[in-house]
């Protein structure tokens, strides 16, 4: 099926409705596939230093098939910072927010493991 404006300078590739990534890069589960409950995902938190001294809080250990867009939105709102979902899937929140993120994840039922 051909998209409107395909092959022109106005072409916009299709994006996922849940995570807003390009469909080719989307990590969301196919519709109808059950999600892994929060209690079965052991998350690891780390604060890492990036280029130019930027600090990010990284959350690893999320289930591959789940949609994490709602969790990312809640974390960004709670921290008042930007963030993104990376492949793996991994969530990165700008700044050192380890204590606040740990508290929020534990209230949502996620067990936090050792680094």
PDB file of N, CA and C in Angstrom:
ATOM      1  N   UNK A   1       0.837  -1.174   0.000  1.00  0.00           N
ATOM      2  CA  UNK A   1       0.000   0.000   0.000  1.00  0.00           C
ATOM      3  C   UNK A   1       0.879   1.233   0.000  1.00  0.00           C
ATOM      4  N   UNK A   2       0.574   2.166  -0.847  1.00  0.00           N
ATOM      5  CA  UNK A   2       1.371   3.381  -0.981  1.00  0.00           C
ATOM      6  C   UNK A   2       0.808   4.475  -0.073  1.00  0.00           C
ATOM      7  N   UNK A   3       1.723   5.192   0.607  1.00  0.00           N
ATOM      8  CA  UNK A   3       1.308   6.276   1.494  1.00  0.00           C
ATOM      9  C   UNK A   3       1.147   7.562   0.696  1.00  0.00           C
ATOM     10  N   UNK A   4       0.332   8.451   1.239  1.00  0.00           N
ATOM     11  CA  UNK A   4       0.166   9.763   0.656  1.00  0.00           C
ATOM     12  C   UNK A   4       1.499  10.486   0.716  1.00  0.00           C
ATOM     13  N   UNK A   5       1.924  11.111  -0.321  1.00  0.00           N
ATOM     14  CA  UNK A   5       3.177  11.855  -0.442  1.00  0.00           C
ATOM     15  C   UNK A   5       4.411  10.953  -0.458  1.00  0.00           C
ATOM     16  N   UNK A   6       4.255   9.631  -0.601  1.00  0.00           N
ATOM     17  CA  UNK A   6       5.410   8.742  -0.621  1.00  0.00           C
ATOM     18  C   UNK A   6       6.300   9.069  -1.813  1.00  0.00           C
ATOM     19  N   UNK A   7       7.593   9.183  -1.540  1.00  0.00           N
ATOM     20  CA  UNK A   7       8.555   9.495  -2.579  1.00  0.00           C
ATOM     21  C   UNK A   7       8.741  10.982  -2.813  1.00  0.00           C
ATOM     22  N   UNK A   8       8.042  11.830  -2.060  1.00  0.00           N
ATOM     23  CA  UNK A   8       8.202  13.273  -2.205  1.00  0.00           C
ATOM     24  C   UNK A   8       8.907  13.824  -0.972  1.00  0.00           C
ATOM     25  N   UNK A   9       9.196  15.109  -0.978  1.00  0.00           N
ATOM     26  CA  UNK A   9       9.860  15.728   0.167  1.00  0.00           C
ATOM     27  C   UNK A   9       8.935  15.846   1.376  1.00  0.00           C
ATOM     28  N   UNK A  10       7.626  15.633   1.196  1.00  0.00           N
ATOM     29  CA  UNK A  10       6.653  15.732   2.285  1.00  0.00           C
ATOM     30  C   UNK A  10       6.334  14.387   2.927  1.00  0.00           C
ATOM     31  N   UNK A  11       7.034  13.329   2.503  1.00  0.00           N
ATOM     32  CA  UNK A  11       6.770  11.982   3.005  1.00  0.00           C
ATOM     33  C   UNK A  11       7.142  11.885   4.488  1.00  0.00           C
ATOM     34  N   UNK A  12       6.234  11.296   5.284  1.00  0.00           N
ATOM     35  CA  UNK A  12       6.496  11.029   6.699  1.00  0.00           C
ATOM     36  C   UNK A  12       6.313   9.535   6.920  1.00  0.00           C
ATOM     37  N   UNK A  13       7.366   8.859   7.357  1.00  0.00           N
ATOM     38  CA  UNK A  13       7.237   7.411   7.580  1.00  0.00           C
ATOM     39  C   UNK A  13       6.249   7.121   8.713  1.00  0.00           C
ATOM     40  N   UNK A  14       5.571   5.981   8.663  1.00  0.00           N
ATOM     41  CA  UNK A  14       4.582   5.652   9.702  1.00  0.00           C
ATOM     42  C   UNK A  14       5.233   5.430  11.056  1.00  0.00           C
ATOM     43  N   UNK A  15       4.529   5.855  12.139  1.00  0.00           N
ATOM     44  CA  UNK A  15       5.020   5.714  13.506  1.00  0.00           C
ATOM     45  C   UNK A  15       4.041   4.886  14.326  1.00  0.00           C
ATOM     46  N   UNK A  16       4.552   4.268  15.368  1.00  0.00           N
ATOM     47  CA  UNK A  16       3.743   3.479  16.287  1.00  0.00           C
ATOM     48  C   UNK A  16       2.861   4.411  17.108  1.00  0.00           C
ATOM     49  N   UNK A  17       1.606   4.017  17.341  1.00  0.00           N
ATOM     50  CA  UNK A  17       0.684   4.833  18.129  1.00  0.00           C
ATOM     51  C   UNK A  17       1.057   4.850  19.606  1.00  0.00           C
ATOM     52  N   UNK A  18       1.647   3.773  20.117  1.00  0.00           N
ATOM     53  CA  UNK A  18       1.949   3.675  21.545  1.00  0.00           C
ATOM     54  C   UNK A  18       3.234   4.413  21.920  1.00  0.00           C
ATOM     55  N   UNK A  19       4.339   4.127  21.217  1.00  0.00           N
ATOM     56  CA  UNK A  19       5.633   4.694  21.615  1.00  0.00           C
ATOM     57  C   UNK A  19       6.119   5.814  20.699  1.00  0.00           C
ATOM     58  N   UNK A  20       5.450   6.043  19.608  1.00  0.00           N
ATOM     59  CA  UNK A  20       5.760   7.099  18.650  1.00  0.00           C
ATOM     60  C   UNK A  20       7.118   6.930  17.961  1.00  0.00           C
ATOM     61  N   UNK A  21       7.680   5.707  18.006  1.00  0.00           N
ATOM     62  CA  UNK A  21       8.896   5.400  17.256  1.00  0.00           C
ATOM     63  C   UNK A  21       8.496   5.032  15.830  1.00  0.00           C
ATOM     64  N   UNK A  22       9.464   5.058  14.909  1.00  0.00           N
ATOM     65  CA  UNK A  22       9.201   4.572  13.559  1.00  0.00           C
ATOM     66  C   UNK A  22       8.783   3.108  13.654  1.00  0.00           C
ATOM     67  N   UNK A  23       7.878   2.678  12.793  1.00  0.00           N
ATOM     68  CA  UNK A  23       7.401   1.297  12.859  1.00  0.00           C
ATOM     69  C   UNK A  23       8.541   0.297  12.725  1.00  0.00           C
ATOM     70  N   UNK A  24       9.567   0.641  11.970  1.00  0.00           N
ATOM     71  CA  UNK A  24      10.703  -0.257  11.809  1.00  0.00           C
ATOM     72  C   UNK A  24      11.501  -0.386  13.102  1.00  0.00           C
ATOM     73  N   UNK A  25      11.501   0.639  13.969  1.00  0.00           N
ATOM     74  CA  UNK A  25      12.271   0.642  15.212  1.00  0.00           C
ATOM     75  C   UNK A  25      11.429   0.322  16.440  1.00  0.00           C
ATOM     76  N   UNK A  26      10.128   0.142  16.275  1.00  0.00           N
ATOM     77  CA  UNK A  26       9.202  -0.032  17.403  1.00  0.00           C
ATOM     78  C   UNK A  26       9.480  -1.339  18.144  1.00  0.00           C
ATOM     79  N   UNK A  27       9.483  -1.271  19.490  1.00  0.00           N
ATOM     80  CA  UNK A  27       9.705  -2.437  20.339  1.00  0.00           C
ATOM     81  C   UNK A  27       8.411  -2.916  20.988  1.00  0.00           C
ATOM     82  N   UNK A  28       7.276  -2.294  20.672  1.00  0.00           N
ATOM     83  CA  UNK A  28       6.004  -2.632  21.301  1.00  0.00           C
ATOM     84  C   UNK A  28       5.574  -4.046  20.913  1.00  0.00           C
ATOM     85  N   UNK A  29       4.842  -4.728  21.828  1.00  0.00           N
ATOM     86  CA  UNK A  29       4.383  -6.081  21.508  1.00  0.00           C
ATOM     87  C   UNK A  29       3.273  -6.046  20.470  1.00  0.00           C
ATOM     88  N   UNK A  30       3.132  -7.108  19.707  1.00  0.00           N
ATOM     89  CA  UNK A  30       2.018  -7.169  18.770  1.00  0.00           C
ATOM     90  C   UNK A  30       0.704  -7.171  19.545  1.00  0.00           C
ATOM     91  N   UNK A  31      -0.356  -6.648  18.952  1.00  0.00           N
ATOM     92  CA  UNK A  31      -1.637  -6.627  19.652  1.00  0.00           C
ATOM     93  C   UNK A  31      -2.089  -8.035  20.020  1.00  0.00           C
ATOM     94  N   UNK A  32      -2.625  -8.158  21.235  1.00  0.00           N
ATOM     95  CA  UNK A  32      -3.116  -9.452  21.686  1.00  0.00           C
ATOM     96  C   UNK A  32      -2.106 -10.268  22.459  1.00  0.00           C
ATOM     97  N   UNK A  33      -0.821  -9.906  22.420  1.00  0.00           N
ATOM     98  CA  UNK A  33       0.191 -10.640  23.166  1.00  0.00           C
ATOM     99  C   UNK A  33       0.154 -10.194  24.628  1.00  0.00           C
ATOM    100  N   UNK A  34       0.117 -11.118  25.592  1.00  0.00           N
ATOM    101  CA  UNK A  34       0.008 -10.719  26.998  1.00  0.00           C
ATOM    102  C   UNK A  34       1.287 -10.032  27.493  1.00  0.00           C
ATOM    103  N   UNK A  35       1.091  -9.058  28.376  1.00  0.00           N
ATOM    104  CA  UNK A  35       2.230  -8.349  28.947  1.00  0.00           C
ATOM    105  C   UNK A  35       2.719  -9.080  30.190  1.00  0.00           C
ATOM    106  N   UNK A  36       4.014  -8.929  30.476  1.00  0.00           N
ATOM    107  CA  UNK A  36       4.620  -9.528  31.659  1.00  0.00           C
ATOM    108  C   UNK A  36       4.279  -8.646  32.852  1.00  0.00           C
ATOM    109  N   UNK A  37       3.741  -9.219  33.951  1.00  0.00           N
ATOM    110  CA  UNK A  37       3.393  -8.396  35.111  1.00  0.00           C
ATOM    111  C   UNK A  37       4.622  -7.760  35.747  1.00  0.00           C
ATOM    112  N   UNK A  38       4.407  -6.634  36.425  1.00  0.00           N
ATOM    113  CA  UNK A  38       5.499  -5.879  37.039  1.00  0.00           C
ATOM    114  C   UNK A  38       6.267  -6.725  38.054  1.00  0.00           C
ATOM    115  N   UNK A  39       5.572  -7.598  38.789  1.00  0.00           N
ATOM    116  CA  UNK A  39       6.207  -8.390  39.834  1.00  0.00           C
ATOM    117  C   UNK A  39       7.235  -9.376  39.279  1.00  0.00           C
ATOM    118  N   UNK A  40       7.154  -9.710  38.013  1.00  0.00           N
ATOM    119  CA  UNK A  40       8.058 -10.683  37.401  1.00  0.00           C
ATOM    120  C   UNK A  40       9.247 -10.023  36.710  1.00  0.00           C
ATOM    121  N   UNK A  41       9.340  -8.709  36.765  1.00  0.00           N
ATOM    122  CA  UNK A  41      10.449  -7.991  36.138  1.00  0.00           C
ATOM    123  C   UNK A  41      11.354  -7.432  37.235  1.00  0.00           C
ATOM    124  N   UNK A  42      12.574  -7.921  37.335  1.00  0.00           N
ATOM    125  CA  UNK A  42      13.514  -7.408  38.334  1.00  0.00           C
ATOM    126  C   UNK A  42      14.341  -6.326  37.653  1.00  0.00           C
ATOM    127  N   UNK A  43      14.132  -5.086  38.095  1.00  0.00           N
ATOM    128  CA  UNK A  43      14.776  -3.940  37.468  1.00  0.00           C
ATOM    129  C   UNK A  43      16.084  -3.590  38.168  1.00  0.00           C
ATOM    130  N   UNK A  44      16.987  -2.984  37.413  1.00  0.00           N
ATOM    131  CA  UNK A  44      18.256  -2.492  37.952  1.00  0.00           C
ATOM    132  C   UNK A  44      18.366  -1.015  37.635  1.00  0.00           C
ATOM    133  N   UNK A  45      18.693  -0.232  38.653  1.00  0.00           N
ATOM    134  CA  UNK A  45      18.860   1.214  38.493  1.00  0.00           C
ATOM    135  C   UNK A  45      20.341   1.549  38.525  1.00  0.00           C
ATOM    136  N   UNK A  46      20.744   2.508  37.711  1.00  0.00           N
ATOM    137  CA  UNK A  46      22.120   2.982  37.706  1.00  0.00           C
ATOM    138  C   UNK A  46      22.134   4.445  37.302  1.00  0.00           C
ATOM    139  N   UNK A  47      23.070   5.183  37.865  1.00  0.00           N
ATOM    140  CA  UNK A  47      23.290   6.568  37.473  1.00  0.00           C
ATOM    141  C   UNK A  47      24.586   6.578  36.684  1.00  0.00           C
ATOM    142  N   UNK A  48      24.513   7.026  35.433  1.00  0.00           N
ATOM    143  CA  UNK A  48      25.679   7.007  34.543  1.00  0.00           C
ATOM    144  C   UNK A  48      26.014   8.412  34.076  1.00  0.00           C
ATOM    145  N   UNK A  49      27.298   8.617  33.836  1.00  0.00           N
ATOM    146  CA  UNK A  49      27.772   9.898  33.325  1.00  0.00           C
ATOM    147  C   UNK A  49      27.991   9.760  31.825  1.00  0.00           C
ATOM    148  N   UNK A  50      27.482  10.687  31.061  1.00  0.00           N
ATOM    149  CA  UNK A  50      27.592  10.663  29.601  1.00  0.00           C
ATOM    150  C   UNK A  50      28.539  11.759  29.117  1.00  0.00           C
ATOM    151  N   UNK A  51      28.532  11.977  27.818  1.00  0.00           N
ATOM    152  CA  UNK A  51      29.373  13.004  27.220  1.00  0.00           C
ATOM    153  C   UNK A  51      29.118  14.365  27.850  1.00  0.00           C
ATOM    154  N   UNK A  52      30.143  15.149  27.927  1.00  0.00           N
ATOM    155  CA  UNK A  52      30.070  16.525  28.424  1.00  0.00           C
ATOM    156  C   UNK A  52      29.550  16.598  29.859  1.00  0.00           C
ATOM    157  N   UNK A  53      29.747  15.530  30.635  1.00  0.00           N
ATOM    158  CA  UNK A  53      29.377  15.535  32.039  1.00  0.00           C
ATOM    159  C   UNK A  53      27.904  15.374  32.331  1.00  0.00           C
ATOM    160  N   UNK A  54      27.097  15.027  31.336  1.00  0.00           N
ATOM    161  CA  UNK A  54      25.657  14.845  31.547  1.00  0.00           C
ATOM    162  C   UNK A  54      25.417  13.558  32.338  1.00  0.00           C
ATOM    163  N   UNK A  55      24.471  13.619  33.272  1.00  0.00           N
ATOM    164  CA  UNK A  55      24.147  12.473  34.119  1.00  0.00           C
ATOM    165  C   UNK A  55      22.755  11.974  33.753  1.00  0.00           C
ATOM    166  N   UNK A  56      22.604  10.641  33.642  1.00  0.00           N
ATOM    167  CA  UNK A  56      21.305  10.030  33.371  1.00  0.00           C
ATOM    168  C   UNK A  56      21.074   8.874  34.344  1.00  0.00           C
ATOM    169  N   UNK A  57      19.823   8.673  34.708  1.00  0.00           N
ATOM    170  CA  UNK A  57      19.434   7.527  35.511  1.00  0.00           C
ATOM    171  C   UNK A  57      18.885   6.477  34.555  1.00  0.00           C
ATOM    172  N   UNK A  58      19.468   5.276  34.601  1.00  0.00           N
ATOM    173  CA  UNK A  58      19.133   4.220  33.645  1.00  0.00           C
ATOM    174  C   UNK A  58      18.396   3.094  34.365  1.00  0.00           C
ATOM    175  N   UNK A  59      17.298   2.635  33.762  1.00  0.00           N
ATOM    176  CA  UNK A  59      16.503   1.528  34.291  1.00  0.00           C
ATOM    177  C   UNK A  59      16.621   0.381  33.302  1.00  0.00           C
ATOM    178  N   UNK A  60      17.193  -0.741  33.766  1.00  0.00           N
ATOM    179  CA  UNK A  60      17.360  -1.922  32.917  1.00  0.00           C
ATOM    180  C   UNK A  60      16.555  -3.079  33.489  1.00  0.00           C
ATOM    181  N   UNK A  61      16.290  -4.088  32.655  1.00  0.00           N
ATOM    182  CA  UNK A  61      15.595  -5.286  33.108  1.00  0.00           C
ATOM    183  C   UNK A  61      14.113  -5.296  32.790  1.00  0.00           C
ATOM    184  N   UNK A  62      13.655  -4.360  31.983  1.00  0.00           N
ATOM    185  CA  UNK A  62      12.241  -4.324  31.600  1.00  0.00           C
ATOM    186  C   UNK A  62      11.946  -5.457  30.624  1.00  0.00           C
ATOM    187  N   UNK A  63      10.737  -5.993  30.680  1.00  0.00           N
ATOM    188  CA  UNK A  63      10.348  -7.086  29.793  1.00  0.00           C
ATOM    189  C   UNK A  63      10.323  -6.608  28.347  1.00  0.00           C
ATOM    190  N   UNK A  64      10.792  -7.459  27.456  1.00  0.00           N
ATOM    191  CA  UNK A  64      10.929  -7.109  26.047  1.00  0.00           C
ATOM    192  C   UNK A  64       9.602  -6.815  25.374  1.00  0.00           C
ATOM    193  N   UNK A  65       8.558  -7.551  25.674  1.00  0.00           N
ATOM    194  CA  UNK A  65       7.312  -7.423  24.931  1.00  0.00           C
ATOM    195  C   UNK A  65       6.373  -6.337  25.417  1.00  0.00           C
ATOM    196  N   UNK A  66       6.616  -5.745  26.586  1.00  0.00           N
ATOM    197  CA  UNK A  66       5.672  -4.790  27.162  1.00  0.00           C
ATOM    198  C   UNK A  66       5.794  -3.409  26.532  1.00  0.00           C
ATOM    199  N   UNK A  67       4.717  -2.653  26.632  1.00  0.00           N
ATOM    200  CA  UNK A  67       4.728  -1.264  26.209  1.00  0.00           C
ATOM    201  C   UNK A  67       5.095  -0.412  27.419  1.00  0.00           C
ATOM    202  N   UNK A  68       6.146   0.361  27.317  1.00  0.00           N
ATOM    203  CA  UNK A  68       6.670   1.113  28.450  1.00  0.00           C
ATOM    204  C   UNK A  68       6.421   2.614  28.322  1.00  0.00           C
ATOM    205  N   UNK A  69       5.612   3.030  27.372  1.00  0.00           N
ATOM    206  CA  UNK A  69       5.369   4.458  27.158  1.00  0.00           C
ATOM    207  C   UNK A  69       4.679   5.106  28.363  1.00  0.00           C
ATOM    208  N   UNK A  70       3.721   4.430  28.972  1.00  0.00           N
ATOM    209  CA  UNK A  70       3.018   4.998  30.134  1.00  0.00           C
ATOM    210  C   UNK A  70       3.954   5.107  31.329  1.00  0.00           C
ATOM    211  N   UNK A  71       4.820   4.112  31.526  1.00  0.00           N
ATOM    212  CA  UNK A  71       5.786   4.155  32.619  1.00  0.00           C
ATOM    213  C   UNK A  71       6.773   5.300  32.408  1.00  0.00           C
ATOM    214  N   UNK A  72       7.241   5.480  31.181  1.00  0.00           N
ATOM    215  CA  UNK A  72       8.158   6.573  30.873  1.00  0.00           C
ATOM    216  C   UNK A  72       7.510   7.924  31.166  1.00  0.00           C
ATOM    217  N   UNK A  73       6.265   8.099  30.774  1.00  0.00           N
ATOM    218  CA  UNK A  73       5.551   9.359  31.017  1.00  0.00           C
ATOM    219  C   UNK A  73       5.435   9.632  32.510  1.00  0.00           C
ATOM    220  N   UNK A  74       5.110   8.601  33.295  1.00  0.00           N
ATOM    221  CA  UNK A  74       4.990   8.772  34.749  1.00  0.00           C
ATOM    222  C   UNK A  74       6.329   9.129  35.381  1.00  0.00           C
ATOM    223  N   UNK A  75       7.397   8.495  34.932  1.00  0.00           N
ATOM    224  CA  UNK A  75       8.724   8.784  35.474  1.00  0.00           C
ATOM    225  C   UNK A  75       9.171  10.201  35.126  1.00  0.00           C
ATOM    226  N   UNK A  76       8.944  10.602  33.890  1.00  0.00           N
ATOM    227  CA  UNK A  76       9.332  11.951  33.476  1.00  0.00           C
ATOM    228  C   UNK A  76       8.557  13.008  34.256  1.00  0.00           C
ATOM    229  N   UNK A  77       7.278  12.767  34.495  1.00  0.00           N
ATOM    230  CA  UNK A  77       6.453  13.711  35.255  1.00  0.00           C
ATOM    231  C   UNK A  77       6.904  13.786  36.707  1.00  0.00           C
ATOM    232  N   UNK A  78       7.201  12.638  37.307  1.00  0.00           N
ATOM    233  CA  UNK A  78       7.616  12.605  38.711  1.00  0.00           C
ATOM    234  C   UNK A  78       8.963  13.289  38.918  1.00  0.00           C
ATOM    235  N   UNK A  79       9.846  13.178  37.932  1.00  0.00           N
ATOM    236  CA  UNK A  79      11.188  13.744  38.067  1.00  0.00           C
ATOM    237  C   UNK A  79      11.291  15.159  37.501  1.00  0.00           C
ATOM    238  N   UNK A  80      10.339  15.555  36.689  1.00  0.00           N
ATOM    239  CA  UNK A  80      10.423  16.863  36.048  1.00  0.00           C
ATOM    240  C   UNK A  80      11.597  16.940  35.098  1.00  0.00           C
ATOM    241  N   UNK A  81      11.828  15.840  34.381  1.00  0.00           N
ATOM    242  CA  UNK A  81      12.990  15.760  33.487  1.00  0.00           C
ATOM    243  C   UNK A  81      12.594  15.038  32.208  1.00  0.00           C
ATOM    244  N   UNK A  82      13.458  15.116  31.227  1.00  0.00           N
ATOM    245  CA  UNK A  82      13.243  14.414  29.975  1.00  0.00           C
ATOM    246  C   UNK A  82      13.711  12.980  30.087  1.00  0.00           C
ATOM    247  N   UNK A  83      13.320  12.173  29.124  1.00  0.00           N
ATOM    248  CA  UNK A  83      13.729  10.777  29.127  1.00  0.00           C
ATOM    249  C   UNK A  83      13.368  10.109  27.828  1.00  0.00           C
ATOM    250  N   UNK A  84      13.855   8.871  27.663  1.00  0.00           N
ATOM    251  CA  UNK A  84      13.603   8.129  26.435  1.00  0.00           C
ATOM    252  C   UNK A  84      13.635   6.632  26.712  1.00  0.00           C
ATOM    253  N   UNK A  85      13.086   5.871  25.770  1.00  0.00           N
ATOM    254  CA  UNK A  85      13.162   4.413  25.807  1.00  0.00           C
ATOM    255  C   UNK A  85      14.196   3.991  24.783  1.00  0.00           C
ATOM    256  N   UNK A  86      15.213   3.282  25.236  1.00  0.00           N
ATOM    257  CA  UNK A  86      16.256   2.764  24.342  1.00  0.00           C
ATOM    258  C   UNK A  86      15.994   1.280  24.092  1.00  0.00           C
ATOM    259  N   UNK A  87      16.739   0.722  23.150  1.00  0.00           N
ATOM    260  CA  UNK A  87      16.579  -0.703  22.861  1.00  0.00           C
ATOM    261  C   UNK A  87      17.049  -1.508  24.055  1.00  0.00           C
ATOM    262  N   UNK A  88      16.522  -2.657  24.202  1.00  0.00           N
ATOM    263  CA  UNK A  88      16.925  -3.517  25.297  1.00  0.00           C
ATOM    264  C   UNK A  88      15.775  -4.140  26.039  1.00  0.00           C
ATOM    265  N   UNK A  89      14.685  -3.537  26.357  1.00  0.00           N
ATOM    266  CA  UNK A  89      14.418  -2.103  26.458  1.00  0.00           C
ATOM    267  C   UNK A  89      14.996  -1.520  27.751  1.00  0.00           C
ATOM    268  N   UNK A  90      15.454  -0.305  27.626  1.00  0.00           N
ATOM    269  CA  UNK A  90      16.045   0.446  28.719  1.00  0.00           C
ATOM    270  C   UNK A  90      15.402   1.816  28.735  1.00  0.00           C
ATOM    271  N   UNK A  91      15.098   2.327  29.926  1.00  0.00           N
ATOM    272  CA  UNK A  91      14.563   3.679  30.059  1.00  0.00           C
ATOM    273  C   UNK A  91      15.668   4.559  30.628  1.00  0.00           C
ATOM    274  N   UNK A  92      15.856   5.727  30.025  1.00  0.00           N
ATOM    275  CA  UNK A  92      16.825   6.698  30.514  1.00  0.00           C
ATOM    276  C   UNK A  92      16.088   7.977  30.888  1.00  0.00           C
ATOM    277  N   UNK A  93      16.363   8.482  32.095  1.00  0.00           N
ATOM    278  CA  UNK A  93      15.805   9.743  32.576  1.00  0.00           C
ATOM    279  C   UNK A  93      16.973  10.686  32.809  1.00  0.00           C
ATOM    280  N   UNK A  94      16.873  11.902  32.312  1.00  0.00           N
ATOM    281  CA  UNK A  94      17.958  12.876  32.436  1.00  0.00           C
ATOM    282  C   UNK A  94      18.097  13.316  33.882  1.00  0.00           C
ATOM    283  N   UNK A  95      19.327  13.266  34.399  1.00  0.00           N
ATOM    284  CA  UNK A  95      19.617  13.710  35.755  1.00  0.00           C
ATOM    285  C   UNK A  95      19.737  12.546  36.724  1.00  0.00           C
ATOM    286  N   UNK A  96      20.154  12.876  37.956  1.00  0.00           N
ATOM    287  CA  UNK A  96      20.324  11.885  39.013  1.00  0.00           C
ATOM    288  C   UNK A  96      19.038  11.833  39.842  1.00  0.00           C
ATOM    289  N   UNK A  97      18.159  10.893  39.513  1.00  0.00           N
ATOM    290  CA  UNK A  97      16.860  10.763  40.174  1.00  0.00           C
ATOM    291  C   UNK A  97      16.668   9.357  40.728  1.00  0.00           C
ATOM    292  N   UNK A  98      17.745   8.716  41.162  1.00  0.00           N
ATOM    293  CA  UNK A  98      17.681   7.313  41.567  1.00  0.00           C
ATOM    294  C   UNK A  98      16.696   7.079  42.710  1.00  0.00           C
ATOM    295  N   UNK A  99      16.721   7.913  43.745  1.00  0.00           N
ATOM    296  CA  UNK A  99      15.852   7.711  44.910  1.00  0.00           C
ATOM    297  C   UNK A  99      14.378   7.876  44.528  1.00  0.00           C
ATOM    298  N   UNK A 100      14.071   8.926  43.784  1.00  0.00           N
ATOM    299  CA  UNK A 100      12.692   9.200  43.382  1.00  0.00           C
ATOM    300  C   UNK A 100      12.159   8.092  42.466  1.00  0.00           C
ATOM    301  N   UNK A 101      12.977   7.650  41.508  1.00  0.00           N
ATOM    302  CA  UNK A 101      12.565   6.605  40.572  1.00  0.00           C
ATOM    303  C   UNK A 101      12.378   5.275  41.305  1.00  0.00           C
ATOM    304  N   UNK A 102      13.293   4.962  42.232  1.00  0.00           N
ATOM    305  CA  UNK A 102      13.181   3.720  43.009  1.00  0.00           C
ATOM    306  C   UNK A 102      11.847   3.694  43.775  1.00  0.00           C
ATOM    307  N   UNK A 103      11.509   4.809  44.410  1.00  0.00           N
ATOM    308  CA  UNK A 103      10.265   4.894  45.176  1.00  0.00           C
ATOM    309  C   UNK A 103       9.053   4.691  44.260  1.00  0.00           C
ATOM    310  N   UNK A 104       9.051   5.352  43.106  1.00  0.00           N
ATOM    311  CA  UNK A 104       7.921   5.252  42.180  1.00  0.00           C
ATOM    312  C   UNK A 104       7.773   3.837  41.625  1.00  0.00           C
ATOM    313  N   UNK A 105       8.895   3.205  41.257  1.00  0.00           N
ATOM    314  CA  UNK A 105       8.838   1.847  40.707  1.00  0.00           C
ATOM    315  C   UNK A 105       8.356   0.841  41.755  1.00  0.00           C
ATOM    316  N   UNK A 106       8.793   1.008  43.003  1.00  0.00           N
ATOM    317  CA  UNK A 106       8.366   0.090  44.060  1.00  0.00           C
ATOM    318  C   UNK A 106       6.873   0.243  44.357  1.00  0.00           C
ATOM    319  N   UNK A 107       6.336   1.466  44.269  1.00  0.00           N
ATOM    320  CA  UNK A 107       4.903   1.637  44.488  1.00  0.00           C
ATOM    321  C   UNK A 107       4.090   1.029  43.349  1.00  0.00           C
ATOM    322  N   UNK A 108       4.691   0.903  42.175  1.00  0.00           N
ATOM    323  CA  UNK A 108       4.009   0.269  41.035  1.00  0.00           C
ATOM    324  C   UNK A 108       4.190  -1.239  41.009  1.00  0.00           C
ATOM    325  N   UNK A 109       4.928  -1.785  41.996  1.00  0.00           N
ATOM    326  CA  UNK A 109       5.062  -3.245  42.104  1.00  0.00           C
ATOM    327  C   UNK A 109       6.297  -3.839  41.459  1.00  0.00           C
ATOM    328  N   UNK A 110       7.237  -3.025  41.005  1.00  0.00           N
ATOM    329  CA  UNK A 110       8.456  -3.542  40.391  1.00  0.00           C
ATOM    330  C   UNK A 110       9.500  -3.832  41.467  1.00  0.00           C
ATOM    331  N   UNK A 111      10.037  -5.059  41.547  1.00  0.00           N
ATOM    332  CA  UNK A 111      11.135  -5.313  42.472  1.00  0.00           C
ATOM    333  C   UNK A 111      12.427  -4.719  41.898  1.00  0.00           C
ATOM    334  N   UNK A 112      13.231  -4.130  42.770  1.00  0.00           N
ATOM    335  CA  UNK A 112      14.496  -3.523  42.356  1.00  0.00           C
ATOM    336  C   UNK A 112      15.627  -4.423  42.819  1.00  0.00           C
ATOM    337  N   UNK A 113      16.467  -4.864  41.884  1.00  0.00           N
ATOM    338  CA  UNK A 113      17.588  -5.743  42.206  1.00  0.00           C
ATOM    339  C   UNK A 113      18.856  -4.954  42.487  1.00  0.00           C
ATOM    340  N   UNK A 114      19.895  -5.681  42.792  1.00  0.00           N
ATOM    341  CA  UNK A 114      21.218  -5.067  43.019  1.00  0.00           C
ATOM    342  C   UNK A 114      21.787  -4.642  41.684  1.00  0.00           C
ATOM    343  N   UNK A 115      22.673  -3.670  41.736  1.00  0.00           N
ATOM    344  CA  UNK A 115      23.300  -3.172  40.501  1.00  0.00           C
ATOM    345  C   UNK A 115      24.090  -4.242  39.884  1.00  0.00           C
TER     346      UNK A 115
END
